[in-house]
Protein backbone atom coordinates (compact mmCIF):
# COMPACT_ATOMS: atom_id res chain seq x y z
CA MET A 1 8.78 -12.79 6.97
CA THR A 2 5.75 -11.49 8.20
CA ASP A 3 2.11 -12.18 6.63
CA LEU A 4 1.75 -8.56 5.97
CA LYS A 5 5.06 -8.63 3.94
CA LEU A 6 3.87 -11.81 2.05
CA TYR A 7 0.51 -10.04 1.20
CA GLU A 8 2.27 -7.04 -0.18
CA GLU A 9 4.33 -9.16 -2.19
CA MET A 10 1.24 -11.11 -3.64
CA VAL A 11 -0.32 -7.94 -4.49
CA ARG A 12 2.67 -6.60 -6.31
CA LEU A 13 3.16 -9.90 -8.20
CA SER A 14 -0.67 -10.02 -9.20
CA ARG A 15 -0.48 -6.29 -10.45
CA ALA A 16 2.53 -7.37 -12.42
CA GLY A 17 0.89 -10.23 -13.99
CA GLU A 18 3.51 -12.55 -12.54
CA PRO A 19 2.57 -16.12 -11.54
CA PHE A 20 3.25 -17.33 -7.94
CA VAL A 21 2.21 -20.17 -5.53
CA LEU A 22 0.95 -19.69 -2.06
CA ALA A 23 1.49 -22.66 0.41
CA THR A 24 -0.42 -22.52 3.82
CA VAL A 25 -0.41 -24.76 6.69
CA ILE A 26 -4.16 -25.51 7.16
CA GLU A 27 -4.05 -28.13 9.80
CA GLN A 28 -1.67 -29.44 12.38
CA THR A 29 -1.95 -32.07 15.10
CA GLY A 30 0.46 -32.81 17.50
CA SER A 31 4.26 -31.20 17.64
CA SER A 32 4.99 -29.43 14.39
CA PRO A 33 7.42 -26.73 13.49
CA ARG A 34 4.86 -24.33 12.27
CA LYS A 35 1.32 -24.03 13.21
CA ALA A 36 -1.94 -23.73 11.18
CA GLY A 37 -1.95 -20.43 9.22
CA ALA A 38 1.84 -20.36 8.56
CA LYS A 39 2.41 -19.28 4.91
CA MET A 40 5.31 -19.63 2.18
CA LEU A 41 5.33 -17.85 -1.31
CA MET A 42 6.91 -19.37 -4.28
CA LEU A 43 7.83 -17.29 -7.34
CA SER A 44 8.06 -18.61 -10.82
CA ASN A 45 11.58 -17.81 -10.88
CA GLY A 46 12.34 -20.24 -7.95
CA THR A 47 12.38 -17.57 -5.32
CA VAL A 48 10.83 -18.66 -1.89
CA LEU A 49 9.56 -16.40 0.52
CA GLY A 50 8.44 -17.22 4.19
CA SER A 51 8.52 -20.81 5.70
CA ILE A 52 6.22 -23.59 6.49
CA GLY A 53 8.93 -25.39 8.52
CA GLY A 54 11.88 -26.45 6.45
CA GLY A 55 12.89 -29.99 5.98
CA LYS A 56 11.72 -32.42 3.42
CA VAL A 57 8.06 -31.32 4.17
CA GLU A 58 9.31 -27.80 2.59
CA ALA A 59 11.29 -29.29 -0.22
CA GLU A 60 8.02 -31.63 -1.27
CA THR A 61 5.86 -28.65 -0.91
CA ILE A 62 8.07 -26.67 -3.20
CA ARG A 63 8.06 -29.53 -5.79
CA ALA A 64 4.17 -29.78 -5.59
CA GLY A 65 4.12 -25.89 -6.02
CA ARG A 66 6.00 -26.29 -9.32
CA LYS A 67 3.44 -28.74 -10.58
CA ALA A 68 0.55 -26.89 -9.40
CA LEU A 69 1.77 -23.71 -11.33
CA ASP A 70 2.24 -26.02 -14.51
CA GLU A 71 -1.17 -27.51 -14.23
CA GLY A 72 -3.17 -24.51 -12.84
CA ALA A 73 -4.88 -26.78 -10.21
CA PRO A 74 -4.35 -26.37 -6.32
CA ARG A 75 -3.76 -29.43 -4.13
CA LYS A 76 -3.48 -30.54 -0.55
CA LEU A 77 -0.41 -32.32 0.98
CA SER A 78 -0.54 -34.36 4.25
CA PHE A 79 2.62 -35.13 6.17
CA VAL A 80 3.23 -37.39 9.10
CA LEU A 81 6.15 -35.75 10.91
CA THR A 82 8.61 -38.69 11.12
CA GLU A 83 12.48 -38.78 10.75
CA GLU A 84 12.04 -39.48 7.18
CA HIS A 85 10.68 -35.81 6.85
CA GLY A 86 13.37 -34.44 8.77
CA PHE A 87 11.50 -34.41 12.13
CA ALA A 88 11.05 -36.61 15.18
CA CYS A 89 8.20 -34.69 16.73
CA GLY A 90 5.59 -37.26 15.81
CA GLY A 91 3.07 -34.73 14.64
CA ALA A 92 1.12 -34.24 11.35
CA MET A 93 0.48 -31.38 8.94
CA THR A 94 -1.63 -30.63 6.01
CA VAL A 95 -0.68 -27.89 3.54
CA TYR A 96 -2.66 -26.26 0.99
CA VAL A 97 -0.94 -25.50 -2.36
CA GLU A 98 -2.54 -22.63 -4.26
CA PRO A 99 -1.31 -21.54 -7.60
CA HIS A 100 -1.99 -18.06 -8.84
CA GLY A 101 -1.16 -17.69 -12.76
CA SER A 102 -0.75 -14.58 -14.75
CA ALA A 103 -3.93 -13.01 -15.97
CA PRO A 104 -4.96 -14.05 -19.25
CA ARG A 105 -4.33 -11.72 -22.14
CA LEU A 106 -6.68 -10.38 -24.44
CA VAL A 107 -5.38 -8.13 -27.49
CA MET A 108 -8.53 -6.46 -29.29
CA PHE A 109 -7.95 -5.22 -32.72
CA GLY A 110 -10.38 -2.40 -33.27
CA ALA A 111 -11.74 0.13 -30.83
CA GLY A 112 -15.23 0.62 -32.57
CA HIS A 113 -18.41 0.00 -30.74
CA VAL A 114 -17.85 -3.67 -30.74
CA GLY A 115 -14.10 -3.34 -29.63
CA LYS A 116 -15.13 -1.02 -26.71
CA ALA A 117 -17.84 -3.18 -25.30
CA THR A 118 -15.71 -6.51 -25.72
CA ALA A 119 -12.92 -4.64 -23.94
CA ALA A 120 -14.73 -3.47 -21.16
CA LEU A 121 -16.37 -6.80 -20.61
CA ALA A 122 -13.16 -8.94 -20.89
CA LYS A 123 -11.42 -6.62 -18.36
CA GLY A 124 -14.29 -7.27 -15.84
CA CYS A 125 -13.77 -11.18 -16.36
CA GLY A 126 -10.16 -10.76 -15.19
CA PHE A 127 -8.46 -10.49 -18.51
CA HIS A 128 -5.19 -8.07 -19.24
CA VAL A 129 -6.61 -6.09 -22.01
CA THR A 130 -4.71 -4.45 -24.96
CA VAL A 131 -6.59 -2.34 -27.56
CA VAL A 132 -5.04 -1.52 -30.95
CA ASP A 133 -6.42 1.13 -33.39
CA GLU A 134 -4.62 3.39 -35.54
CA ARG A 135 -7.27 6.28 -35.23
CA PRO A 136 -6.06 8.44 -32.04
CA GLU A 137 -9.75 9.58 -31.44
CA PHE A 138 -10.64 5.84 -30.80
CA ALA A 139 -7.57 4.51 -29.04
CA CYS A 140 -7.62 6.93 -26.32
CA ARG A 141 -8.24 6.92 -22.51
CA GLN A 142 -11.56 8.89 -22.77
CA GLU A 143 -13.12 6.24 -25.02
CA ILE A 144 -11.52 3.16 -23.17
CA PRO A 145 -10.76 4.13 -19.61
CA GLY A 146 -10.39 0.54 -18.46
CA ALA A 147 -7.76 -1.09 -21.01
CA ASP A 148 -4.50 -1.93 -19.57
CA GLU A 149 -2.69 -0.93 -22.61
CA LEU A 150 -3.29 1.27 -25.83
CA LEU A 151 -1.61 1.13 -29.04
CA CYS A 152 -2.31 3.55 -31.58
CA CYS A 153 -0.93 1.97 -34.78
CA ALA A 154 -1.72 -0.17 -37.79
CA PRO A 155 -2.28 -3.83 -37.03
CA GLU A 156 0.98 -4.84 -38.88
CA GLU A 157 3.17 -2.49 -36.62
CA ALA A 158 1.29 -3.85 -33.51
CA PHE A 159 2.82 -7.15 -33.17
CA GLY A 160 6.41 -5.77 -32.50
CA HIS A 161 5.16 -4.57 -29.22
CA LEU A 162 3.20 -7.60 -28.24
CA LYS A 163 4.46 -10.78 -26.52
CA LEU A 164 1.68 -13.43 -27.24
CA ASP A 165 1.55 -17.22 -25.95
CA VAL A 166 -0.90 -20.07 -25.39
CA ASN A 167 -2.54 -17.78 -22.83
CA SER A 168 -3.11 -14.93 -25.15
CA SER A 169 -6.09 -14.26 -27.04
CA VAL A 170 -6.59 -12.09 -30.28
CA VAL A 171 -10.06 -10.68 -31.29
CA ILE A 172 -10.32 -8.88 -34.57
CA ALA A 173 -12.69 -6.23 -35.40
CA THR A 174 -11.20 -3.42 -37.33
CA PRO A 175 -12.82 -0.98 -39.75
CA GLY A 176 -11.77 -2.51 -42.89
CA HIS A 177 -11.08 -5.97 -44.37
CA LEU A 178 -7.60 -5.14 -45.15
CA HIS A 179 -6.82 -4.36 -41.64
CA ASP A 180 -8.53 -7.28 -40.30
CA PHE A 181 -6.62 -9.78 -42.73
CA ALA A 182 -3.58 -8.12 -41.72
CA ALA A 183 -4.23 -8.51 -38.03
CA VAL A 184 -4.90 -12.27 -38.75
CA ARG A 185 -1.40 -12.77 -40.53
CA GLY A 186 0.24 -11.19 -37.70
CA ALA A 187 -1.77 -13.47 -35.06
CA LEU A 188 -0.90 -16.56 -37.09
CA LYS A 189 2.77 -15.83 -36.83
CA SER A 190 2.30 -15.63 -33.06
CA GLY A 191 1.90 -18.22 -30.33
CA ALA A 192 -1.61 -16.77 -29.57
CA GLY A 193 -3.84 -19.54 -28.30
CA PHE A 194 -7.01 -17.99 -29.51
CA ILE A 195 -7.62 -15.94 -32.76
CA GLY A 196 -10.99 -14.77 -33.54
CA LEU A 197 -12.34 -12.57 -36.46
CA LEU A 198 -15.61 -10.88 -36.37
CA GLY A 199 -17.48 -10.90 -39.59
CA SER A 200 -19.84 -12.88 -41.80
CA ARG A 201 -19.27 -16.20 -43.18
CA ARG A 202 -18.69 -14.92 -46.55
CA LYS A 203 -15.98 -12.83 -45.32
CA ARG A 204 -14.63 -16.20 -43.50
CA GLU A 205 -14.66 -17.91 -46.94
CA THR A 206 -12.74 -15.04 -48.50
CA LEU A 207 -10.21 -14.83 -45.62
CA LEU A 208 -9.45 -18.64 -45.82
CA LYS A 209 -9.24 -18.61 -49.69
CA ILE A 210 -6.61 -15.87 -49.48
CA LEU A 211 -4.70 -17.45 -46.62
CA GLU A 212 -4.79 -20.62 -48.58
CA GLU A 213 -3.41 -19.00 -51.85
CA GLU A 214 -0.77 -17.46 -49.67
CA GLY A 215 0.55 -20.76 -48.62
CA TYR A 216 -0.83 -21.18 -45.04
CA PRO A 217 -1.04 -24.87 -44.19
CA GLU A 218 -4.53 -26.14 -43.15
CA GLU A 219 -3.53 -26.26 -39.61
CA GLN A 220 -2.72 -22.79 -39.44
CA ARG A 221 -5.96 -21.67 -41.28
CA ALA A 222 -7.89 -23.62 -38.77
CA ARG A 223 -6.58 -21.49 -35.75
CA VAL A 224 -8.76 -18.62 -37.00
CA ILE A 225 -12.25 -18.70 -35.40
CA THR A 226 -14.84 -16.64 -37.49
CA PRO A 227 -17.14 -15.71 -37.21
CA VAL A 228 -15.93 -15.27 -33.29
CA GLY A 229 -18.27 -15.45 -30.68
CA LEU A 230 -20.98 -18.15 -29.11
CA ASP A 231 -24.24 -18.34 -31.22
CA ILE A 232 -26.49 -16.54 -28.91
CA GLY A 233 -28.28 -14.42 -31.61
CA ALA A 234 -26.53 -11.15 -30.64
CA GLU A 235 -27.23 -8.16 -32.54
CA THR A 236 -26.25 -5.06 -30.66
CA PRO A 237 -22.37 -4.30 -29.77
CA GLU A 238 -22.81 -5.33 -25.90
CA GLU A 239 -24.73 -8.56 -26.99
CA LEU A 240 -21.57 -9.32 -29.22
CA ALA A 241 -19.21 -8.71 -26.42
CA VAL A 242 -21.10 -11.10 -24.41
CA SER A 243 -20.78 -13.79 -27.25
CA ILE A 244 -17.15 -12.98 -27.82
CA VAL A 245 -16.14 -12.86 -24.09
CA GLY A 246 -18.10 -15.96 -23.44
CA GLN A 247 -16.20 -17.84 -25.93
CA LEU A 248 -12.99 -16.51 -24.43
CA VAL A 249 -14.15 -17.79 -21.15
CA ARG A 250 -14.98 -21.06 -22.19
CA SER A 251 -11.49 -21.48 -23.97
CA ARG A 252 -9.83 -20.21 -20.85
CA ARG A 253 -11.68 -22.48 -18.83
CA SER A 254 -11.57 -25.73 -20.92
CA HIS A 255 -8.37 -27.07 -19.29
CA GLY A 256 -10.05 -26.58 -15.70
CA ALA A 257 -13.12 -28.32 -17.02
CA LEU A 258 -11.39 -31.30 -17.80
CA CYS A 259 -9.40 -31.46 -14.89
CA GLY A 260 -11.95 -30.42 -12.34
CA GLY A 261 -15.15 -31.66 -11.48
CA ASP A 262 -18.88 -30.00 -12.41
CA PRO A 263 -18.56 -26.45 -10.67
CA ALA A 264 -21.70 -24.53 -10.80
CA GLY A 265 -22.15 -22.73 -14.18
CA ARG A 266 -19.76 -24.82 -16.05
CA ARG A 267 -21.56 -28.16 -16.75
CA ALA A 268 -24.54 -28.85 -19.04
CA VAL A 269 -27.85 -29.84 -17.38
CA PRO A 270 -29.59 -31.95 -19.73
CA ALA A 271 -33.10 -32.03 -17.96
CA ASP A 272 -34.71 -30.81 -14.79
CA GLY A 273 -34.89 -33.75 -12.38
CA ASP A 274 -37.01 -34.14 -8.95
CA LEU A 275 -36.40 -31.53 -6.32
């Protein structure tokens, strides 16, 4: 398979939101079955496209690719091409294994000023955005052109059309408390990894009291983050969107922050030091 076809397949998978792994030979010395630049694509269903040389090297790379996709972290593999790896050429290879996960999903309940601003900013930050609002004049392309999906229905009806998992976030900012609380109940029945509700602390107390009276256990009630958004003193819809999406990004990156070092923009800087 040519590199062009591999690139075309990567574009197709990315647009479809399907995870995959790209393995690339980044260094080789001596004799080796494939040279630097050789690529192999591994799909989440086990399909392999292209080759980096076959043998035990390729088998170990495929196993590493599965782990990289599960953990969401790239890795480098070094091989000395001995008979143990199915080769007797005596060369060496280094393979870079790079996972590409599906885009994190945001379901935004409410297409008012805050919902519109949050959906637009989240889309720019790499989220697959679905907006839910039962008002046709709000849930339309003219109002929210960048959304991947628009659902014009009541919150309780929307969950029949949604598949939410741990990589999915739900943010709720509908025009009324009844719709807000209906969306919270639906989100709690799903596998969403993040559930946020816009509102005051008084609204939070009311919601938690109602959920408790309805029999929701403490661990379920604790899943609801309200008021949603980082405390940055936000007031305008755009500022609220920054606080909300900032919290979504922090939640999305938390696993990488624990696994990775201190990339720029992620670590806290306690004090300025000497230059």
